């Protein structure tokens, strides 16, 4: 951090100057004109009817999720109980078997591509199969997906699709669990362990190594590089600048909006966030996991807790809310596009919230301590359930209940500032709840940033090597963009980086389809081992 902080402090005058003079707006305009074709291409919507158009990325994500759901025989449901048991540590003894010697395995690849179970570089760490626990890997990945989309995005989806969008959001969350299982199982199977015991994993590695096993070596290398480039861009924008920008905007809104004493001091807020982020990410995945395994349960608890209090105070309205959800899911009365339009809004919100099929989460899950790749794949399938089925549904119920008199939003008319609508819904019940929401937004933004820094760093090292200079260069730039995001209004830059995140699905989905049999091998191996111990 001592090497990064001077860089941040030296750059502040330039950030402040840009913000005051509107230079960022000019840059944003030029950048938008140069990259608009890419953004439009990634989010291009295929016209279905005069009123309905479906983004092609949504078709790929949902189509893939349905394929994996049936290919793995409804693993999203049949594996749920086992996933909970793994997180609780019921099968930890499986990891200790054979720990006295190095055994051959096809689950973990080393840097040189050999199929040795692990390097085990330190004598006292004879079973080094990773860096973090199952629970820590889950919270690290959750911290990147549970965020502003769960708060603001749900409000936008409901404003367009009405309460019925919630039903399809839940459906999409359930089927997305199968995609998460597939990509995170492959992430562990093809990860690499460096000389110092640090784990490197994610789509870059299973695209390169896995596709090479299938006879598509050159294609795999190209797809891995494409994924890495997109991941780096996404980490700087959607995983960083957008988060710090929206966190400051929420804080400023709570403290008076345009009349807030914080107006014009986005750079100061960004500097504080950058220092906090820097302190965490310098320590790598172990430090990130040590933070996320505390902050994620806490932030989910305060947000869901607040939602439960609101729902508890309006308990009599809950049956009516569920009635609106189920009726609206199949009728879409009064909503543009009818029932199909409602379905699209629900699927879109879920897919864009939990990122199942994007491949990003497999980077965090790859660092888990395990010898069985499928064990972490099963843990990973809990992620869309928590993110979408639980948190997004809670947000939707609060919005529907609070909007009983139509004072929060008019269904069918899109809202632009979803976070403000959600804040209004929370505040309509208890006046100080917007403060809780503000704290939650800042925590969500912070946790998303530290996890996406790890995703971007893994992609960065894949392209540029694993030296300390390479590491500090990326982490310094990442912290710098935290300040830029909070101080500027770089909409086109953030739109471009969001497009890069969803462009990651192209190489990733190709790899998932071709390597699904490998994931099934890992699943069969793990489930056979469980049956053996059950006797």
Protein backbone atom coordinates (compact mmCIF):
# COMPACT_ATOMS: atom_id res chain seq x y z
CA UNK A 1 0.00 0.00 0.00
CA UNK A 2 2.98 2.31 0.64
CA UNK A 3 3.84 2.09 -3.07
CA UNK A 4 0.29 2.82 -4.22
CA UNK A 5 -0.77 5.66 -1.89
CA UNK A 6 1.67 8.30 -3.31
CA UNK A 7 0.30 7.59 -6.80
CA UNK A 8 -3.26 8.16 -5.59
CA UNK A 9 -2.38 11.41 -3.81
CA UNK A 10 -0.41 12.74 -6.78
CA UNK A 11 -3.31 12.14 -9.14
CA UNK A 12 -6.01 13.86 -7.04
CA UNK A 13 -5.40 17.43 -8.37
CA UNK A 14 -5.93 16.19 -11.92
CA UNK A 15 -9.13 14.38 -10.97
CA UNK A 16 -10.44 17.45 -9.14
CA UNK A 17 -9.53 19.72 -12.06
CA UNK A 18 -11.29 17.44 -14.52
CA UNK A 19 -14.41 17.31 -12.39
CA UNK A 20 -14.57 21.11 -11.99
CA UNK A 21 -13.89 21.97 -15.61
CA UNK A 22 -16.08 19.31 -17.17
CA UNK A 23 -13.14 17.67 -18.89
CA UNK A 24 -14.56 14.28 -17.92
CA UNK A 25 -17.74 15.04 -19.90
CA UNK A 26 -15.72 15.83 -23.02
CA UNK A 27 -13.65 12.68 -22.62
CA UNK A 28 -16.80 10.69 -22.06
CA UNK A 29 -18.41 12.05 -25.21
CA UNK A 30 -15.42 11.23 -27.40
CA UNK A 31 -15.03 7.81 -25.81
CA UNK A 32 -18.72 7.08 -26.27
CA UNK A 33 -18.60 7.96 -29.94
CA UNK A 34 -15.58 5.68 -30.43
CA UNK A 35 -16.93 2.67 -28.55
CA UNK A 36 -20.68 2.96 -29.06
CA UNK A 37 -20.62 0.27 -31.74
CA UNK A 38 -19.24 -2.26 -29.25
CA UNK A 39 -21.76 -1.41 -26.52
CA UNK A 40 -24.66 -1.53 -28.98
CA UNK A 41 -23.44 -4.84 -30.35
CA UNK A 42 -23.16 -6.53 -26.97
CA UNK A 43 -26.55 -5.32 -25.80
CA UNK A 44 -28.27 -5.61 -29.19
CA UNK A 45 -31.86 -6.71 -28.75
CA UNK A 46 -33.42 -9.07 -31.28
CA UNK A 47 -36.94 -7.85 -32.19
CA UNK A 48 -39.64 -10.42 -31.37
CA UNK A 49 -42.73 -8.27 -31.84
CA UNK A 50 -43.38 -4.57 -32.35
CA UNK A 51 -43.15 -4.03 -28.60
CA UNK A 52 -40.72 -6.74 -27.49
CA UNK A 53 -37.03 -7.17 -28.18
CA UNK A 54 -34.76 -9.68 -26.43
CA UNK A 55 -31.04 -8.94 -25.86
CA UNK A 56 -29.04 -11.72 -27.49
CA UNK A 57 -26.82 -12.02 -24.41
CA UNK A 58 -29.93 -12.87 -22.41
CA UNK A 59 -30.86 -15.62 -24.87
CA UNK A 60 -27.38 -17.15 -24.54
CA UNK A 61 -27.31 -16.91 -20.73
CA UNK A 62 -30.80 -18.34 -20.20
CA UNK A 63 -30.42 -20.93 -22.97
CA UNK A 64 -27.15 -22.10 -21.46
CA UNK A 65 -28.65 -22.25 -17.98
CA UNK A 66 -31.53 -24.43 -19.22
CA UNK A 67 -29.10 -26.74 -21.04
CA UNK A 68 -26.92 -27.25 -17.95
CA UNK A 69 -29.98 -27.71 -15.74
CA UNK A 70 -31.09 -30.74 -17.77
CA UNK A 71 -27.58 -31.97 -18.64
CA UNK A 72 -26.75 -32.29 -14.95
CA UNK A 73 -30.18 -33.76 -14.12
CA UNK A 74 -31.56 -30.80 -12.15
CA UNK A 75 -28.38 -30.33 -10.10
CA UNK A 76 -29.78 -26.94 -8.99
CA UNK A 77 -32.33 -28.84 -6.86
CA UNK A 78 -30.81 -32.28 -6.27
CA UNK A 79 -27.46 -30.81 -5.19
CA UNK A 80 -28.84 -28.08 -2.92
CA UNK A 81 -28.77 -30.10 0.32
CA UNK A 82 -25.27 -31.41 -0.41
CA UNK A 83 -24.08 -27.85 -1.09
CA UNK A 84 -25.32 -26.71 2.33
CA UNK A 85 -23.59 -29.66 3.97
CA UNK A 86 -20.29 -28.84 2.23
CA UNK A 87 -20.39 -25.24 3.46
CA UNK A 88 -21.14 -26.51 6.98
CA UNK A 89 -18.04 -28.72 6.79
CA UNK A 90 -19.71 -32.13 6.80
CA UNK A 91 -17.37 -33.51 4.13
CA UNK A 92 -14.15 -31.83 5.26
CA UNK A 93 -12.71 -35.23 6.18
CA UNK A 94 -12.64 -36.12 2.48
CA UNK A 95 -9.97 -33.46 1.99
CA UNK A 96 -7.73 -35.02 4.63
CA UNK A 97 -7.65 -38.46 3.07
CA UNK A 98 -4.27 -39.23 1.55
CA UNK A 99 -2.71 -36.05 2.89
CA UNK A 100 0.48 -37.77 4.02
CA UNK A 101 1.83 -38.08 0.50
CA UNK A 102 1.50 -36.40 -2.89
CA UNK A 103 -0.94 -38.40 -4.99
CA UNK A 104 -1.56 -38.22 -8.71
CA UNK A 105 -4.86 -36.64 -9.68
CA UNK A 106 -6.47 -35.17 -12.77
CA UNK A 107 -8.32 -32.52 -10.80
CA UNK A 108 -5.61 -29.91 -10.32
CA UNK A 109 -3.02 -28.76 -12.83
CA UNK A 110 0.25 -27.12 -11.86
CA UNK A 111 1.92 -24.21 -13.60
CA UNK A 112 3.75 -26.57 -15.92
CA UNK A 113 0.57 -28.35 -16.90
CA UNK A 114 1.36 -31.58 -15.04
CA UNK A 115 -1.46 -33.39 -13.33
CA UNK A 116 0.10 -33.57 -9.90
CA UNK A 117 -2.38 -33.16 -7.09
CA UNK A 118 -0.56 -30.17 -5.61
CA UNK A 119 2.88 -28.67 -5.31
CA UNK A 120 2.74 -28.51 -1.50
CA UNK A 121 5.69 -26.15 -1.33
CA UNK A 122 5.89 -25.93 2.44
CA UNK A 123 6.55 -29.03 4.51
CA UNK A 124 4.14 -27.96 7.22
CA UNK A 125 1.41 -27.43 4.60
CA UNK A 126 1.30 -30.91 3.15
CA UNK A 127 -2.23 -30.60 1.83
CA UNK A 128 -2.13 -27.24 0.11
CA UNK A 129 -4.97 -27.50 -2.40
CA UNK A 130 -6.00 -23.88 -2.33
CA UNK A 131 -6.05 -20.72 -0.28
CA UNK A 132 -9.53 -20.27 1.20
CA UNK A 133 -12.37 -22.31 2.66
CA UNK A 134 -15.60 -23.22 0.86
CA UNK A 135 -17.46 -20.56 2.83
CA UNK A 136 -14.85 -17.89 2.11
CA UNK A 137 -14.84 -18.69 -1.61
CA UNK A 138 -18.63 -18.41 -1.64
CA UNK A 139 -18.65 -15.05 0.15
CA UNK A 140 -15.86 -13.70 -2.06
CA UNK A 141 -17.90 -14.52 -5.15
CA UNK A 142 -21.14 -13.32 -3.56
CA UNK A 143 -19.57 -9.97 -2.70
CA UNK A 144 -19.09 -9.34 -6.42
CA UNK A 145 -22.67 -10.20 -7.41
CA UNK A 146 -24.77 -9.08 -4.44
CA UNK A 147 -24.72 -5.34 -4.95
CA UNK A 148 -26.45 -2.36 -6.45
CA UNK A 149 -28.22 -4.52 -9.02
CA UNK A 150 -30.18 -6.15 -6.22
CA UNK A 151 -31.29 -2.75 -4.93
CA UNK A 152 -31.61 -0.52 -8.00
CA UNK A 153 -32.02 -3.09 -10.77
CA UNK A 154 -35.05 -4.77 -9.23
CA UNK A 155 -36.89 -1.45 -9.00
CA UNK A 156 -36.20 -0.80 -12.69
CA UNK A 157 -37.40 -4.30 -13.64
CA UNK A 158 -40.63 -3.91 -11.68
CA UNK A 159 -41.30 -0.45 -13.08
CA UNK A 160 -41.17 -1.91 -16.61
CA UNK A 161 -42.57 -5.40 -16.09
CA UNK A 162 -44.71 -4.98 -13.01
CA UNK A 163 -44.86 -7.41 -10.03
CA UNK A 164 -44.96 -10.42 -12.38
CA UNK A 165 -41.32 -9.85 -13.30
CA UNK A 166 -40.46 -11.15 -9.82
CA UNK A 167 -41.71 -14.65 -10.68
CA UNK A 168 -39.49 -14.95 -13.73
CA UNK A 169 -36.61 -13.46 -11.78
CA UNK A 170 -36.92 -16.35 -9.34
CA UNK A 171 -37.15 -18.92 -12.16
CA UNK A 172 -34.03 -17.48 -13.81
CA UNK A 173 -32.21 -17.54 -10.48
CA UNK A 174 -32.94 -21.23 -10.02
CA UNK A 175 -31.81 -22.30 -13.50
CA UNK A 176 -28.73 -20.03 -13.26
CA UNK A 177 -27.53 -22.24 -10.41
CA UNK A 178 -26.64 -24.92 -12.97
CA UNK A 179 -24.43 -22.54 -14.96
CA UNK A 180 -22.60 -21.51 -11.78
CA UNK A 181 -22.03 -25.16 -10.89
CA UNK A 182 -20.51 -25.88 -14.29
CA UNK A 183 -18.12 -22.95 -14.53
CA UNK A 184 -16.91 -23.16 -10.93
CA UNK A 185 -16.29 -26.92 -11.14
CA UNK A 186 -14.17 -26.32 -14.23
CA UNK A 187 -12.45 -23.40 -12.52
CA UNK A 188 -11.12 -25.69 -9.78
CA UNK A 189 -10.31 -28.59 -12.13
CA UNK A 190 -8.02 -26.51 -14.36
CA UNK A 191 -6.56 -24.06 -11.86
CA UNK A 192 -2.83 -23.58 -11.42
CA UNK A 193 -0.83 -23.38 -8.22
CA UNK A 194 2.21 -21.12 -8.26
CA UNK A 195 5.55 -21.71 -6.58
CA UNK A 196 4.49 -19.72 -3.50
CA UNK A 197 1.24 -21.64 -3.17
CA UNK A 198 -0.89 -18.88 -4.69
CA UNK A 199 -3.77 -20.14 -6.82
CA UNK A 200 -4.53 -18.90 -10.32
CA UNK A 201 -7.79 -19.96 -11.91
CA UNK A 202 -10.86 -19.04 -13.87
CA UNK A 203 -12.08 -19.23 -17.47
CA UNK A 204 -8.67 -18.25 -18.83
CA UNK A 205 -7.25 -21.53 -17.59
CA UNK A 206 -10.09 -23.92 -18.40
CA UNK A 207 -10.44 -22.37 -21.86
CA UNK A 208 -6.75 -22.82 -22.57
CA UNK A 209 -6.16 -26.22 -20.94
CA UNK A 210 -9.59 -27.77 -21.21
CA UNK A 211 -10.08 -26.99 -24.88
CA UNK A 212 -6.54 -28.21 -25.54
CA UNK A 213 -7.60 -31.58 -24.08
CA UNK A 214 -10.53 -31.61 -26.49
CA UNK A 215 -8.26 -30.90 -29.47
CA UNK A 216 -9.05 -27.18 -29.76
CA UNK A 217 -5.77 -25.86 -28.37
CA UNK A 218 -5.36 -22.78 -30.59
CA UNK A 219 -9.02 -21.82 -30.25
CA UNK A 220 -8.75 -22.18 -26.49
CA UNK A 221 -5.73 -19.86 -26.31
CA UNK A 222 -7.51 -17.16 -28.32
CA UNK A 223 -10.70 -17.43 -26.27
CA UNK A 224 -8.69 -17.26 -23.04
CA UNK A 225 -6.99 -14.02 -24.12
CA UNK A 226 -10.30 -12.50 -25.23
CA UNK A 227 -11.86 -13.37 -21.88
CA UNK A 228 -8.91 -11.91 -19.95
CA UNK A 229 -9.03 -8.60 -21.85
CA UNK A 230 -12.78 -8.26 -21.29
CA UNK A 231 -12.41 -9.15 -17.62
CA UNK A 232 -9.78 -6.48 -17.03
CA UNK A 233 -11.94 -3.82 -18.68
CA UNK A 234 -14.96 -4.90 -16.69
CA UNK A 235 -13.03 -4.82 -13.43
CA UNK A 236 -12.04 -1.17 -13.93
CA UNK A 237 -15.52 -0.03 -14.94
CA UNK A 238 -18.58 -1.95 -13.80
CA UNK A 239 -16.67 -3.63 -10.98
CA UNK A 240 -15.03 -0.42 -9.81
CA UNK A 241 -15.91 3.05 -11.16
CA UNK A 242 -19.65 2.39 -11.30
CA UNK A 243 -19.61 1.09 -7.73
CA UNK A 244 -17.75 4.06 -6.23
CA UNK A 245 -19.82 6.48 -8.33
CA UNK A 246 -23.16 5.08 -7.15
CA UNK A 247 -22.02 4.75 -3.54
CA UNK A 248 -21.07 8.43 -3.46
CA UNK A 249 -24.28 9.40 -5.27
CA UNK A 250 -26.34 7.55 -2.64
CA UNK A 251 -24.43 9.20 0.21
CA UNK A 252 -24.78 12.61 -1.39
CA UNK A 253 -28.50 12.05 -1.97
CA UNK A 254 -29.03 11.08 1.66
CA UNK A 255 -27.14 14.14 2.93
CA UNK A 256 -29.08 16.68 0.86
CA UNK A 257 -28.61 15.98 -2.84
CA UNK A 258 -27.40 19.04 -4.74
CA UNK A 259 -27.36 20.96 -1.45
CA UNK A 260 -25.28 18.32 0.29
CA UNK A 261 -22.08 19.52 1.99
CA UNK A 262 -20.40 16.63 0.14
CA UNK A 263 -21.20 18.11 -3.28
CA UNK A 264 -17.97 18.41 -5.26
CA UNK A 265 -16.03 16.17 -2.89
CA UNK A 266 -16.46 12.91 -4.72
CA UNK A 267 -12.69 12.67 -5.00
CA UNK A 268 -12.34 12.72 -1.20
CA UNK A 269 -14.90 9.96 -0.82
CA UNK A 270 -13.12 8.06 -3.60
CA UNK A 271 -9.75 8.49 -1.88
CA UNK A 272 -11.07 7.04 1.37
CA UNK A 273 -12.63 4.12 -0.51
CA UNK A 274 -9.43 3.63 -2.54
CA UNK A 275 -7.31 3.42 0.61
CA UNK A 276 -9.70 0.92 2.20
CA UNK A 277 -9.84 -1.13 -0.99
CA UNK A 278 -6.05 -0.98 -1.32
CA UNK A 279 -5.50 -2.22 2.23
CA UNK A 280 -7.61 -5.28 1.47
CA UNK A 281 -6.53 -6.18 -2.06
CA UNK A 282 -2.80 -5.89 -1.41
CA UNK A 283 -3.15 -9.03 0.70
CA UNK A 284 -4.57 -11.11 -2.16
CA UNK A 285 -7.43 -13.59 -2.05
CA UNK A 286 -6.76 -14.65 1.55
CA UNK A 287 -7.17 -11.07 2.79
CA UNK A 288 -10.14 -10.50 0.49
CA UNK A 289 -11.79 -13.69 1.76
CA UNK A 290 -11.11 -12.75 5.39
CA UNK A 291 -12.99 -9.50 4.78
CA UNK A 292 -15.82 -10.87 2.63
CA UNK A 293 -16.61 -13.77 4.98
CA UNK A 294 -17.48 -11.09 7.55
CA UNK A 295 -18.86 -8.25 5.47
CA UNK A 296 -21.10 -10.31 3.14
CA UNK A 297 -23.14 -12.02 5.88
CA UNK A 298 -23.36 -8.67 7.69
CA UNK A 299 -24.48 -6.61 4.70
CA UNK A 300 -26.96 -9.25 3.56
CA UNK A 301 -28.25 -9.52 7.12
CA UNK A 302 -28.86 -5.78 7.57
CA UNK A 303 -30.48 -5.44 4.14
CA UNK A 304 -32.63 -8.56 4.37
CA UNK A 305 -33.31 -7.76 8.03
CA UNK A 306 -34.63 -4.32 7.13
CA UNK A 307 -36.75 -5.87 4.38
CA UNK A 308 -38.16 -8.46 6.80
CA UNK A 309 -39.08 -5.75 9.30
CA UNK A 310 -40.96 -3.86 6.60
CA UNK A 311 -42.72 -7.03 5.46
CA UNK A 312 -43.48 -7.96 9.05
CA UNK A 313 -45.10 -4.59 9.66
CA UNK A 314 -47.18 -5.15 6.53
CA UNK A 315 -47.77 -8.85 7.04
CA UNK A 316 -51.38 -8.69 5.91
CA UNK A 317 -50.27 -7.31 2.53
CA UNK A 318 -47.92 -10.19 1.71
CA UNK A 319 -50.56 -12.58 0.31
CA UNK A 320 -51.78 -9.80 -1.98
CA UNK A 321 -48.16 -9.13 -3.09
CA UNK A 322 -47.65 -12.78 -4.01
CA UNK A 323 -50.99 -12.72 -5.79
CA UNK A 324 -49.80 -9.80 -7.91
CA UNK A 325 -46.54 -11.65 -8.63
CA UNK A 326 -48.23 -14.83 -9.88
CA UNK A 327 -51.06 -13.08 -11.72
CA UNK A 328 -48.70 -10.60 -13.38
CA UNK A 329 -46.29 -13.35 -14.43
CA UNK A 330 -48.80 -14.83 -16.85
CA UNK A 331 -51.02 -11.90 -17.78
CA UNK A 332 -48.87 -8.80 -17.87
CA UNK A 333 -52.02 -6.72 -17.70
CA UNK A 334 -51.31 -3.08 -18.45
CA UNK A 335 -47.65 -3.76 -19.14
CA UNK A 336 -46.12 -3.10 -22.54
CA UNK A 337 -45.41 -6.42 -24.22
CA UNK A 338 -47.86 -8.41 -22.09
CA UNK A 339 -46.86 -11.61 -20.31
CA UNK A 340 -43.85 -12.24 -22.56
CA UNK A 341 -42.53 -8.76 -21.84
CA UNK A 342 -42.84 -9.42 -18.12
CA UNK A 343 -40.92 -12.69 -18.53
CA UNK A 344 -38.11 -10.91 -20.37
CA UNK A 345 -37.76 -8.26 -17.65
CA UNK A 346 -37.59 -10.88 -14.91
CA UNK A 347 -35.04 -13.02 -16.75
CA UNK A 348 -32.97 -9.98 -17.67
CA UNK A 349 -32.73 -8.70 -14.10
CA UNK A 350 -31.79 -12.12 -12.74
CA UNK A 351 -29.17 -12.83 -15.41
CA UNK A 352 -27.58 -9.40 -15.06
CA UNK A 353 -27.60 -9.67 -11.27
CA UNK A 354 -26.10 -13.09 -10.55
CA UNK A 355 -23.83 -13.22 -13.67
CA UNK A 356 -24.33 -16.96 -14.03
CA UNK A 357 -22.60 -17.95 -17.26
CA UNK A 358 -20.31 -14.91 -17.36
CA UNK A 359 -17.48 -16.89 -15.77
CA UNK A 360 -16.29 -14.26 -13.31
CA UNK A 361 -17.28 -16.15 -10.14
CA UNK A 362 -15.19 -19.18 -11.09
CA UNK A 363 -12.08 -17.03 -10.53
CA UNK A 364 -12.89 -16.62 -6.82
CA UNK A 365 -14.11 -20.19 -6.38
CA UNK A 366 -10.90 -21.54 -7.95
CA UNK A 367 -8.94 -20.54 -4.85
CA UNK A 368 -10.84 -22.92 -2.58
CA UNK A 369 -9.09 -25.56 -0.50
CA UNK A 370 -10.32 -28.81 -1.99
CA UNK A 371 -9.23 -31.89 -3.90
CA UNK A 372 -12.67 -32.34 -5.44
CA UNK A 373 -13.57 -29.78 -8.07
CA UNK A 374 -17.29 -30.59 -8.00
CA UNK A 375 -17.47 -29.88 -4.27
CA UNK A 376 -16.88 -26.21 -4.99
CA UNK A 377 -19.17 -26.30 -8.00
CA UNK A 378 -21.95 -27.41 -5.67
CA UNK A 379 -21.13 -24.61 -3.22
CA UNK A 380 -21.19 -22.12 -6.09
CA UNK A 381 -24.72 -23.03 -7.10
CA UNK A 382 -25.88 -21.45 -3.82
CA UNK A 383 -24.76 -18.08 -5.16
CA UNK A 384 -27.64 -17.35 -7.60
CA UNK A 385 -30.04 -18.64 -4.96
CA UNK A 386 -28.83 -16.14 -2.37
CA UNK A 387 -28.32 -13.29 -4.84
CA UNK A 388 -31.48 -13.61 -6.91
CA UNK A 389 -34.00 -15.93 -5.27
CA UNK A 390 -33.44 -14.45 -1.80
CA UNK A 391 -32.14 -10.86 -1.98
CA UNK A 392 -33.80 -9.76 -5.23
CA UNK A 393 -37.13 -11.28 -4.18
CA UNK A 394 -36.96 -9.49 -0.82
CA UNK A 395 -36.42 -6.19 -2.62
CA UNK A 396 -39.32 -6.90 -4.97
CA UNK A 397 -41.71 -7.75 -2.12
CA UNK A 398 -40.85 -4.52 -0.28
CA UNK A 399 -41.42 -2.51 -3.45
CA UNK A 400 -44.75 -4.19 -4.19
CA UNK A 401 -46.03 -3.80 -0.62
CA UNK A 402 -44.89 -0.17 -0.36
CA UNK A 403 -46.40 0.59 -3.77
CA UNK A 404 -49.84 -0.63 -2.79
CA UNK A 405 -51.25 2.87 -3.27
CA UNK A 406 -49.17 3.58 -6.38
CA UNK A 407 -47.08 6.24 -4.63
CA UNK A 408 -43.69 4.62 -5.31
CA UNK A 409 -43.95 3.94 -9.04
CA UNK A 410 -46.40 3.41 -11.88
CA UNK A 411 -46.04 -0.07 -13.35
CA UNK A 412 -45.30 0.16 -17.05
CA UNK A 413 -43.37 3.42 -16.74
CA UNK A 414 -39.62 2.87 -16.43
CA UNK A 415 -37.85 4.59 -13.54
CA UNK A 416 -34.34 5.89 -14.15
CA UNK A 417 -32.96 5.97 -10.61
CA UNK A 418 -33.85 2.58 -9.16
CA UNK A 419 -31.87 3.08 -5.96
CA UNK A 420 -33.86 6.22 -5.12
CA UNK A 421 -37.13 4.37 -5.69
CA UNK A 422 -36.04 1.55 -3.39
CA UNK A 423 -34.92 4.11 -0.80
CA UNK A 424 -38.35 5.74 -1.00
CA UNK A 425 -40.02 2.37 -0.50
CA UNK A 426 -37.89 1.65 2.58
CA UNK A 427 -38.47 5.15 3.96
CA UNK A 428 -42.24 4.95 3.50
CA UNK A 429 -42.41 2.50 6.41
CA UNK A 430 -39.70 3.70 8.80
CA UNK A 431 -38.16 7.14 8.33
CA UNK A 432 -34.57 6.20 9.18
CA UNK A 433 -34.44 3.13 6.90
CA UNK A 434 -32.94 5.14 4.00
CA UNK A 435 -29.88 5.53 6.26
CA UNK A 436 -29.65 1.74 6.57
CA UNK A 437 -30.00 1.48 2.81
CA UNK A 438 -27.23 4.05 2.32
CA UNK A 439 -24.91 2.01 4.56
CA UNK A 440 -25.89 -1.15 2.67
CA UNK A 441 -25.17 0.48 -0.71
CA UNK A 442 -21.70 1.57 0.43
CA UNK A 443 -20.95 -1.90 1.80
CA UNK A 444 -22.26 -3.55 -1.36
CA UNK A 445 -20.11 -1.24 -3.49
CA UNK A 446 -17.00 -1.84 -1.36
CA UNK A 447 -17.39 -5.63 -1.38
CA UNK A 448 -18.03 -5.66 -5.12
CA UNK A 449 -14.88 -3.63 -5.75
CA UNK A 450 -12.56 -5.85 -3.72
CA UNK A 451 -13.83 -9.01 -5.39
CA UNK A 452 -13.70 -7.58 -8.90
CA UNK A 453 -10.16 -6.39 -8.19
CA UNK A 454 -9.25 -10.06 -7.73
CA UNK A 455 -11.01 -11.04 -10.95
CA UNK A 456 -9.20 -8.34 -12.89
CA UNK A 457 -5.88 -9.14 -11.24
CA UNK A 458 -6.15 -12.82 -12.22
CA UNK A 459 -6.85 -11.83 -15.83
CA UNK A 460 -4.01 -9.28 -15.71
CA UNK A 461 -1.47 -11.86 -14.52
CA UNK A 462 -2.64 -14.29 -17.19
CA UNK A 463 -1.68 -11.73 -19.84
CA UNK A 464 1.35 -10.03 -18.28
CA UNK A 465 2.91 -12.51 -15.85
CA UNK A 466 2.97 -12.94 -12.09
CA UNK A 467 5.80 -10.69 -10.92
CA UNK A 468 5.39 -8.26 -8.02
CA UNK A 469 5.75 -5.26 -10.36
CA UNK A 470 2.93 -6.58 -12.53
CA UNK A 471 0.81 -7.10 -9.41
CA UNK A 472 1.38 -3.61 -7.98
CA UNK A 473 0.80 -1.98 -11.37
CA UNK A 474 -2.67 -3.50 -11.66
CA UNK A 475 -3.64 -2.88 -8.04
CA UNK A 476 -2.40 0.72 -8.21
CA UNK A 477 -4.46 1.37 -11.34
CA UNK A 478 -7.49 -0.27 -9.75
CA UNK A 479 -7.29 1.99 -6.68
CA UNK A 480 -6.86 5.01 -8.95
CA UNK A 481 -10.05 4.18 -10.83
CA UNK A 482 -11.95 4.09 -7.51
CA UNK A 483 -11.25 7.83 -7.18
CA UNK A 484 -12.00 8.53 -10.85
CA UNK A 485 -15.35 6.78 -10.54
CA UNK A 486 -16.42 8.73 -7.46
CA UNK A 487 -15.30 12.10 -8.84
CA UNK A 488 -16.48 11.83 -12.44
CA UNK A 489 -19.57 11.11 -14.51
CA UNK A 490 -18.02 8.83 -17.11
CA UNK A 491 -21.22 7.18 -18.30
CA UNK A 492 -19.89 6.01 -21.67
CA UNK A 493 -16.78 4.54 -20.04
CA UNK A 494 -18.91 2.59 -17.57
CA UNK A 495 -21.31 1.48 -20.31
CA UNK A 496 -18.33 0.19 -22.27
CA UNK A 497 -16.93 -1.70 -19.30
CA UNK A 498 -20.36 -3.21 -18.57
CA UNK A 499 -20.46 -4.38 -22.16
CA UNK A 500 -17.03 -5.96 -21.65
CA UNK A 501 -18.36 -7.88 -18.64
CA UNK A 502 -21.18 -9.37 -20.67
CA UNK A 503 -18.88 -9.97 -23.64
CA UNK A 504 -17.07 -12.40 -21.32
CA UNK A 505 -19.98 -14.79 -21.82
CA UNK A 506 -19.02 -15.47 -25.47
CA UNK A 507 -15.71 -17.27 -24.85
CA UNK A 508 -16.94 -18.62 -21.52
CA UNK A 509 -20.10 -20.24 -22.88
CA UNK A 510 -18.18 -21.87 -25.73
CA UNK A 511 -15.88 -23.40 -23.14
CA UNK A 512 -18.71 -24.50 -20.85
CA UNK A 513 -20.57 -26.33 -23.61
CA UNK A 514 -17.45 -28.14 -24.80
CA UNK A 515 -16.21 -28.98 -21.30
CA UNK A 516 -19.51 -29.96 -19.67
CA UNK A 517 -18.52 -33.69 -19.82
CA UNK A 518 -15.41 -32.87 -17.74
CA UNK A 519 -17.59 -31.21 -15.12
CA UNK A 520 -19.84 -34.28 -15.09
CA UNK A 521 -16.77 -36.48 -14.50
CA UNK A 522 -15.88 -34.39 -11.46
CA UNK A 523 -19.45 -34.53 -10.15
CA UNK A 524 -19.59 -38.33 -10.47
CA UNK A 525 -16.21 -38.67 -8.74
CA UNK A 526 -17.28 -36.52 -5.78
CA UNK A 527 -20.71 -38.09 -5.37
CA UNK A 528 -19.16 -41.59 -5.51
CA UNK A 529 -16.80 -40.60 -2.70
CA UNK A 530 -19.73 -39.32 -0.61
CA UNK A 531 -21.59 -42.60 -1.12
CA UNK A 532 -18.50 -44.50 0.02
CA UNK A 533 -18.28 -42.68 3.35
CA UNK A 534 -22.01 -43.05 3.89
CA UNK A 535 -21.40 -46.73 3.43
